[in-house]
N, C-alpha and C. Protein backbone atom coordinates (compact mmCIF):
# COMPACT_ATOMS: atom_id res chain seq x y z
N MET A 1 129.25 49.90 203.42
CA MET A 1 127.85 49.83 203.09
C MET A 1 127.58 50.69 201.86
N ILE A 2 126.79 50.17 200.95
CA ILE A 2 126.37 50.92 199.77
C ILE A 2 125.02 51.55 200.07
N GLU A 3 124.88 52.80 199.69
CA GLU A 3 123.61 53.49 199.85
C GLU A 3 123.11 53.91 198.48
N ALA A 4 121.80 53.93 198.32
CA ALA A 4 121.20 54.37 197.07
C ALA A 4 119.92 55.12 197.38
N ARG A 5 119.53 55.96 196.43
CA ARG A 5 118.27 56.68 196.57
C ARG A 5 117.70 56.94 195.19
N ALA A 6 116.40 57.15 195.14
CA ALA A 6 115.71 57.51 193.91
C ALA A 6 114.83 58.71 194.21
N LEU A 7 115.07 59.78 193.48
CA LEU A 7 114.31 61.01 193.65
C LEU A 7 113.31 61.12 192.51
N TRP A 8 112.04 61.19 192.84
CA TRP A 8 111.00 61.29 191.83
C TRP A 8 111.17 62.57 191.03
N ALA A 9 111.16 62.45 189.70
CA ALA A 9 111.30 63.61 188.82
C ALA A 9 109.94 64.03 188.28
N ASP A 10 109.27 63.12 187.56
CA ASP A 10 107.93 63.35 187.03
C ASP A 10 107.39 62.03 186.50
N LYS A 11 106.11 61.98 186.25
CA LYS A 11 105.45 60.77 185.77
C LYS A 11 105.95 59.57 186.56
N GLU A 12 106.57 58.59 185.89
CA GLU A 12 107.14 57.41 186.57
C GLU A 12 108.67 57.43 186.49
N ARG A 13 109.21 58.64 186.33
CA ARG A 13 110.65 58.80 186.13
C ARG A 13 111.32 59.23 187.44
N PHE A 14 112.49 58.61 187.68
CA PHE A 14 113.26 58.90 188.89
C PHE A 14 114.70 59.19 188.53
N LEU A 15 115.36 59.95 189.37
CA LEU A 15 116.80 60.15 189.27
C LEU A 15 117.41 59.32 190.39
N GLY A 16 118.16 58.30 189.99
CA GLY A 16 118.78 57.41 190.96
C GLY A 16 120.23 57.79 191.17
N GLU A 17 120.69 57.58 192.41
CA GLU A 17 122.08 57.88 192.73
C GLU A 17 122.51 56.91 193.83
N ALA A 18 123.75 56.47 193.74
CA ALA A 18 124.29 55.56 194.75
C ALA A 18 125.51 56.19 195.42
N SER A 19 126.12 55.44 196.30
CA SER A 19 127.26 55.92 197.09
C SER A 19 128.38 56.49 196.23
N SER A 20 128.52 55.98 195.01
CA SER A 20 129.58 56.46 194.12
C SER A 20 129.37 57.90 193.68
N GLY A 21 128.14 58.40 193.82
CA GLY A 21 127.84 59.77 193.44
C GLY A 21 127.39 59.93 192.00
N HIS A 22 127.34 58.85 191.24
CA HIS A 22 126.90 58.92 189.84
C HIS A 22 125.38 58.80 189.76
N ALA A 23 124.79 59.58 188.88
CA ALA A 23 123.34 59.59 188.74
C ALA A 23 122.91 58.87 187.47
N ILE A 24 121.69 58.34 187.52
CA ILE A 24 121.12 57.66 186.37
C ILE A 24 119.61 57.90 186.37
N VAL A 25 119.06 58.10 185.20
CA VAL A 25 117.61 58.27 185.08
C VAL A 25 117.00 56.88 184.92
N VAL A 26 115.90 56.65 185.63
CA VAL A 26 115.18 55.37 185.57
C VAL A 26 113.72 55.69 185.29
N ASP A 27 113.13 54.99 184.31
CA ASP A 27 111.73 55.20 183.97
C ASP A 27 110.96 53.90 184.18
N ALA A 28 110.11 53.88 185.19
CA ALA A 28 109.33 52.69 185.51
C ALA A 28 107.97 52.68 184.81
N GLY A 29 107.68 53.69 184.03
CA GLY A 29 106.39 53.79 183.37
C GLY A 29 106.39 53.33 181.93
N ALA A 30 105.32 53.63 181.24
CA ALA A 30 105.14 53.20 179.86
C ALA A 30 105.90 54.09 178.87
N GLU A 31 106.30 55.28 179.29
CA GLU A 31 106.95 56.22 178.38
C GLU A 31 108.31 55.73 177.90
N LYS A 32 109.03 55.03 178.74
CA LYS A 32 110.36 54.46 178.42
C LYS A 32 111.34 55.52 177.95
N SER A 33 111.44 56.61 178.71
CA SER A 33 112.41 57.64 178.39
C SER A 33 113.80 57.29 178.94
N ALA A 34 113.87 56.19 179.68
CA ALA A 34 115.14 55.70 180.24
C ALA A 34 114.95 54.21 180.52
N ASN A 35 116.03 53.55 180.94
CA ASN A 35 115.92 52.13 181.28
C ASN A 35 114.99 51.94 182.47
N SER A 36 114.26 50.82 182.46
CA SER A 36 113.39 50.49 183.58
C SER A 36 114.22 49.79 184.66
N PRO A 37 113.69 49.70 185.87
CA PRO A 37 114.42 49.01 186.93
C PRO A 37 114.78 47.56 186.57
N VAL A 38 113.86 46.84 185.93
CA VAL A 38 114.17 45.44 185.60
C VAL A 38 115.15 45.33 184.43
N GLU A 39 115.16 46.31 183.53
CA GLU A 39 116.19 46.33 182.50
C GLU A 39 117.56 46.57 183.13
N LEU A 40 117.60 47.43 184.13
CA LEU A 40 118.87 47.71 184.81
C LEU A 40 119.44 46.46 185.48
N LEU A 41 118.56 45.55 185.91
CA LEU A 41 119.05 44.30 186.48
C LEU A 41 119.84 43.49 185.44
N LEU A 42 119.32 43.41 184.21
CA LEU A 42 120.05 42.69 183.16
C LEU A 42 121.33 43.41 182.77
N ILE A 43 121.29 44.73 182.71
CA ILE A 43 122.50 45.50 182.43
C ILE A 43 123.54 45.26 183.52
N ALA A 44 123.09 45.26 184.77
CA ALA A 44 124.00 45.01 185.89
C ALA A 44 124.61 43.62 185.80
N LEU A 45 123.81 42.63 185.42
CA LEU A 45 124.33 41.27 185.25
C LEU A 45 125.40 41.24 184.17
N CYS A 46 125.12 41.86 183.02
CA CYS A 46 126.09 41.88 181.92
C CYS A 46 127.39 42.55 182.34
N ALA A 47 127.30 43.69 183.01
CA ALA A 47 128.49 44.42 183.42
C ALA A 47 129.26 43.69 184.50
N CYS A 48 128.55 43.07 185.43
CA CYS A 48 129.20 42.36 186.54
C CYS A 48 129.99 41.16 186.03
N THR A 49 129.33 40.31 185.27
CA THR A 49 130.02 39.12 184.77
C THR A 49 131.06 39.50 183.72
N GLY A 50 130.79 40.52 182.93
CA GLY A 50 131.77 40.98 181.94
C GLY A 50 133.04 41.47 182.59
N SER A 51 132.89 42.21 183.68
CA SER A 51 134.05 42.69 184.42
C SER A 51 134.87 41.53 184.97
N ASP A 52 134.18 40.53 185.50
CA ASP A 52 134.88 39.34 186.00
C ASP A 52 135.68 38.67 184.88
N VAL A 53 135.02 38.46 183.74
CA VAL A 53 135.66 37.75 182.63
C VAL A 53 136.86 38.52 182.12
N VAL A 54 136.75 39.84 181.96
CA VAL A 54 137.88 40.66 181.53
C VAL A 54 139.05 40.52 182.50
N GLY A 55 138.78 40.62 183.79
CA GLY A 55 139.83 40.49 184.78
C GLY A 55 140.52 39.14 184.75
N ILE A 56 139.74 38.08 184.60
CA ILE A 56 140.29 36.72 184.56
C ILE A 56 141.12 36.51 183.30
N LEU A 57 140.60 36.97 182.15
CA LEU A 57 141.35 36.82 180.90
C LEU A 57 142.66 37.61 180.95
N ARG A 58 142.64 38.77 181.55
CA ARG A 58 143.87 39.56 181.69
C ARG A 58 144.89 38.83 182.56
N LYS A 59 144.42 38.27 183.69
CA LYS A 59 145.33 37.54 184.57
C LYS A 59 145.94 36.33 183.86
N LYS A 60 145.16 35.71 182.97
CA LYS A 60 145.65 34.56 182.21
C LYS A 60 146.46 35.00 181.00
N ARG A 61 146.56 36.31 180.80
CA ARG A 61 147.28 36.90 179.66
C ARG A 61 146.74 36.40 178.31
N GLU A 62 145.44 36.29 178.26
CA GLU A 62 144.77 35.88 177.03
C GLU A 62 144.61 37.10 176.12
N PRO A 63 144.96 36.97 174.84
CA PRO A 63 144.92 38.12 173.92
C PRO A 63 143.52 38.39 173.35
N PHE A 64 142.60 38.83 174.19
CA PHE A 64 141.27 39.18 173.68
C PHE A 64 141.29 40.63 173.21
N SER A 65 140.50 40.91 172.20
CA SER A 65 140.46 42.27 171.65
C SER A 65 139.11 42.94 171.89
N SER A 66 138.09 42.15 172.21
CA SER A 66 136.77 42.71 172.48
C SER A 66 135.95 41.73 173.30
N LEU A 67 134.98 42.27 174.01
CA LEU A 67 134.02 41.45 174.73
C LEU A 67 132.70 42.20 174.79
N GLU A 68 131.67 41.55 174.31
CA GLU A 68 130.31 42.07 174.43
C GLU A 68 129.52 41.03 175.21
N VAL A 69 128.79 41.49 176.21
CA VAL A 69 127.95 40.59 177.00
C VAL A 69 126.50 41.06 176.82
N ARG A 70 125.65 40.16 176.34
CA ARG A 70 124.23 40.47 176.13
C ARG A 70 123.40 39.54 177.01
N ALA A 71 122.20 39.96 177.34
CA ALA A 71 121.31 39.11 178.13
C ALA A 71 119.87 39.29 177.67
N THR A 72 119.14 38.20 177.71
CA THR A 72 117.70 38.22 177.49
C THR A 72 117.05 37.58 178.71
N GLY A 73 115.89 38.05 179.07
CA GLY A 73 115.24 37.51 180.26
C GLY A 73 113.75 37.33 180.08
N GLU A 74 113.25 36.23 180.63
CA GLU A 74 111.81 35.96 180.67
C GLU A 74 111.34 36.18 182.09
N ARG A 75 110.17 36.82 182.22
CA ARG A 75 109.62 37.11 183.55
C ARG A 75 108.26 36.44 183.72
N THR A 76 107.85 36.28 184.97
CA THR A 76 106.54 35.71 185.25
C THR A 76 105.46 36.69 184.81
N ALA A 77 104.28 36.17 184.51
CA ALA A 77 103.16 37.01 184.11
C ALA A 77 102.52 37.66 185.34
N ASP A 78 102.60 36.98 186.48
CA ASP A 78 101.99 37.48 187.71
C ASP A 78 102.98 38.33 188.51
N PHE A 79 102.43 39.22 189.32
CA PHE A 79 103.25 40.08 190.16
C PHE A 79 103.68 39.33 191.41
N PRO A 80 104.89 39.56 191.90
CA PRO A 80 105.92 40.39 191.28
C PRO A 80 106.50 39.68 190.06
N GLN A 81 106.72 40.39 189.01
CA GLN A 81 107.15 39.80 187.74
C GLN A 81 108.67 39.58 187.76
N VAL A 82 109.08 38.55 188.47
CA VAL A 82 110.50 38.25 188.61
C VAL A 82 111.01 37.53 187.37
N TYR A 83 112.32 37.62 187.15
CA TYR A 83 112.94 36.85 186.08
C TYR A 83 112.92 35.38 186.44
N THR A 84 112.57 34.54 185.47
CA THR A 84 112.58 33.09 185.68
C THR A 84 113.65 32.41 184.83
N ASP A 85 113.92 32.97 183.67
CA ASP A 85 114.93 32.43 182.75
C ASP A 85 115.72 33.58 182.16
N ILE A 86 117.04 33.46 182.25
CA ILE A 86 117.93 34.48 181.69
C ILE A 86 118.98 33.77 180.85
N ARG A 87 119.26 34.35 179.70
CA ARG A 87 120.31 33.82 178.82
C ARG A 87 121.36 34.90 178.66
N VAL A 88 122.61 34.57 179.02
CA VAL A 88 123.72 35.51 178.92
C VAL A 88 124.63 35.03 177.79
N ILE A 89 124.90 35.92 176.84
CA ILE A 89 125.74 35.58 175.67
C ILE A 89 126.98 36.44 175.71
N TYR A 90 128.13 35.79 175.73
CA TYR A 90 129.42 36.46 175.68
C TYR A 90 129.94 36.35 174.26
N SER A 91 130.26 37.45 173.62
CA SER A 91 130.87 37.45 172.31
C SER A 91 132.28 38.01 172.47
N VAL A 92 133.26 37.13 172.34
CA VAL A 92 134.64 37.52 172.60
C VAL A 92 135.43 37.55 171.29
N GLY A 93 136.23 38.57 171.11
CA GLY A 93 137.08 38.69 169.94
C GLY A 93 138.53 38.55 170.32
N GLY A 94 139.33 38.11 169.38
CA GLY A 94 140.76 37.93 169.62
C GLY A 94 141.13 36.47 169.60
N ASN A 95 142.36 36.22 169.94
CA ASN A 95 142.89 34.85 169.89
C ASN A 95 142.83 34.21 171.29
N VAL A 96 141.64 34.09 171.82
CA VAL A 96 141.42 33.56 173.17
C VAL A 96 141.18 32.05 173.06
N THR A 97 141.85 31.29 173.92
CA THR A 97 141.60 29.85 173.90
C THR A 97 140.20 29.58 174.46
N HIS A 98 139.56 28.57 173.93
CA HIS A 98 138.21 28.23 174.38
C HIS A 98 138.23 27.85 175.86
N LYS A 99 139.24 27.13 176.29
CA LYS A 99 139.33 26.71 177.69
C LYS A 99 139.43 27.92 178.62
N ALA A 100 140.24 28.89 178.26
CA ALA A 100 140.40 30.09 179.09
C ALA A 100 139.08 30.85 179.21
N MET A 101 138.37 30.97 178.10
CA MET A 101 137.09 31.69 178.12
C MET A 101 136.06 30.92 178.93
N GLU A 102 135.99 29.62 178.73
CA GLU A 102 135.05 28.79 179.48
C GLU A 102 135.36 28.85 180.98
N ASP A 103 136.63 28.81 181.34
CA ASP A 103 137.02 28.90 182.75
C ASP A 103 136.64 30.26 183.33
N ALA A 104 136.85 31.32 182.57
CA ALA A 104 136.52 32.67 183.05
C ALA A 104 135.03 32.82 183.29
N VAL A 105 134.21 32.32 182.37
CA VAL A 105 132.76 32.39 182.53
C VAL A 105 132.32 31.54 183.73
N ARG A 106 132.87 30.36 183.86
CA ARG A 106 132.52 29.47 184.98
C ARG A 106 132.89 30.11 186.32
N LEU A 107 134.09 30.69 186.41
CA LEU A 107 134.51 31.34 187.65
C LEU A 107 133.61 32.53 187.99
N SER A 108 133.24 33.29 186.99
CA SER A 108 132.34 34.42 187.21
C SER A 108 131.02 33.91 187.78
N LYS A 109 130.47 32.89 187.14
CA LYS A 109 129.17 32.33 187.55
C LYS A 109 129.23 31.72 188.95
N GLU A 110 130.25 30.92 189.20
CA GLU A 110 130.30 30.14 190.44
C GLU A 110 130.91 30.87 191.63
N LYS A 111 131.74 31.90 191.37
CA LYS A 111 132.48 32.48 192.48
C LYS A 111 132.37 34.00 192.62
N TYR A 112 132.43 34.73 191.52
CA TYR A 112 132.65 36.17 191.62
C TYR A 112 131.43 37.07 191.40
N CYS A 113 130.55 36.74 190.49
CA CYS A 113 129.49 37.69 190.10
C CYS A 113 128.36 37.75 191.13
N SER A 114 128.33 38.83 191.88
CA SER A 114 127.30 39.03 192.91
C SER A 114 125.91 39.14 192.30
N VAL A 115 125.80 39.81 191.17
CA VAL A 115 124.50 40.01 190.53
C VAL A 115 123.94 38.67 190.07
N SER A 116 124.77 37.85 189.47
CA SER A 116 124.36 36.51 189.04
C SER A 116 123.89 35.69 190.24
N ALA A 117 124.64 35.74 191.32
CA ALA A 117 124.27 34.98 192.52
C ALA A 117 122.90 35.40 193.05
N MET A 118 122.61 36.70 193.01
CA MET A 118 121.31 37.18 193.49
C MET A 118 120.18 36.78 192.55
N LEU A 119 120.40 36.95 191.24
CA LEU A 119 119.35 36.62 190.28
C LEU A 119 119.06 35.13 190.22
N GLU A 120 120.08 34.31 190.51
CA GLU A 120 119.87 32.86 190.48
C GLU A 120 118.92 32.38 191.57
N LYS A 121 118.56 33.24 192.51
CA LYS A 121 117.59 32.87 193.54
C LYS A 121 116.20 32.67 192.94
N THR A 122 115.93 33.33 191.80
CA THR A 122 114.62 33.18 191.16
C THR A 122 114.71 32.73 189.71
N ALA A 123 115.87 32.85 189.09
CA ALA A 123 115.97 32.58 187.65
C ALA A 123 117.01 31.51 187.34
N LYS A 124 116.71 30.74 186.33
CA LYS A 124 117.71 29.81 185.77
C LYS A 124 118.51 30.64 184.76
N ILE A 125 119.84 30.65 184.92
CA ILE A 125 120.69 31.46 184.05
C ILE A 125 121.52 30.53 183.17
N GLU A 126 121.40 30.72 181.87
CA GLU A 126 122.16 29.96 180.88
C GLU A 126 123.26 30.86 180.33
N PHE A 127 124.46 30.31 180.19
CA PHE A 127 125.59 31.07 179.68
C PHE A 127 126.04 30.48 178.35
N VAL A 128 126.22 31.34 177.34
CA VAL A 128 126.61 30.94 176.00
C VAL A 128 127.82 31.77 175.59
N ILE A 129 128.80 31.14 174.94
CA ILE A 129 129.99 31.85 174.47
C ILE A 129 130.02 31.81 172.96
N GLU A 130 130.23 32.97 172.34
CA GLU A 130 130.42 33.08 170.89
C GLU A 130 131.84 33.59 170.65
N TYR A 131 132.55 32.99 169.74
CA TYR A 131 133.92 33.40 169.43
C TYR A 131 133.91 34.17 168.12
N ALA A 132 134.20 35.47 168.20
CA ALA A 132 134.17 36.34 167.03
C ALA A 132 135.47 36.27 166.23
N GLY A 133 136.51 35.71 166.82
CA GLY A 133 137.78 35.56 166.11
C GLY A 133 138.73 36.70 166.26
């Protein structure tokens, strides 16, 4: 079981910590002194699917030299302001075959990425691959 907590610091700022013992500052207010909770969802999506893709490319022995995963998200105007549309862009460097990269992204989306699976309950997620060479 994973446990998490958020300890109020000041204003709308919290110190979050999970079972791993690592802490992170979260700012839910207008000050934006740290990432907001909904920004952290997109960061989590990028890291989750990125980790999957790296692992799959390594298993396939694909010679990638870099991977950047970016995401943009649109939210509803009404509360709760859930994500409705998310675009995930993978920028991969190295001599990776297009088929291997496409397979890795598909496997992450369809089988491995827990964050993607959760967000897909409310959002349409589009995946785009850019080859940096």
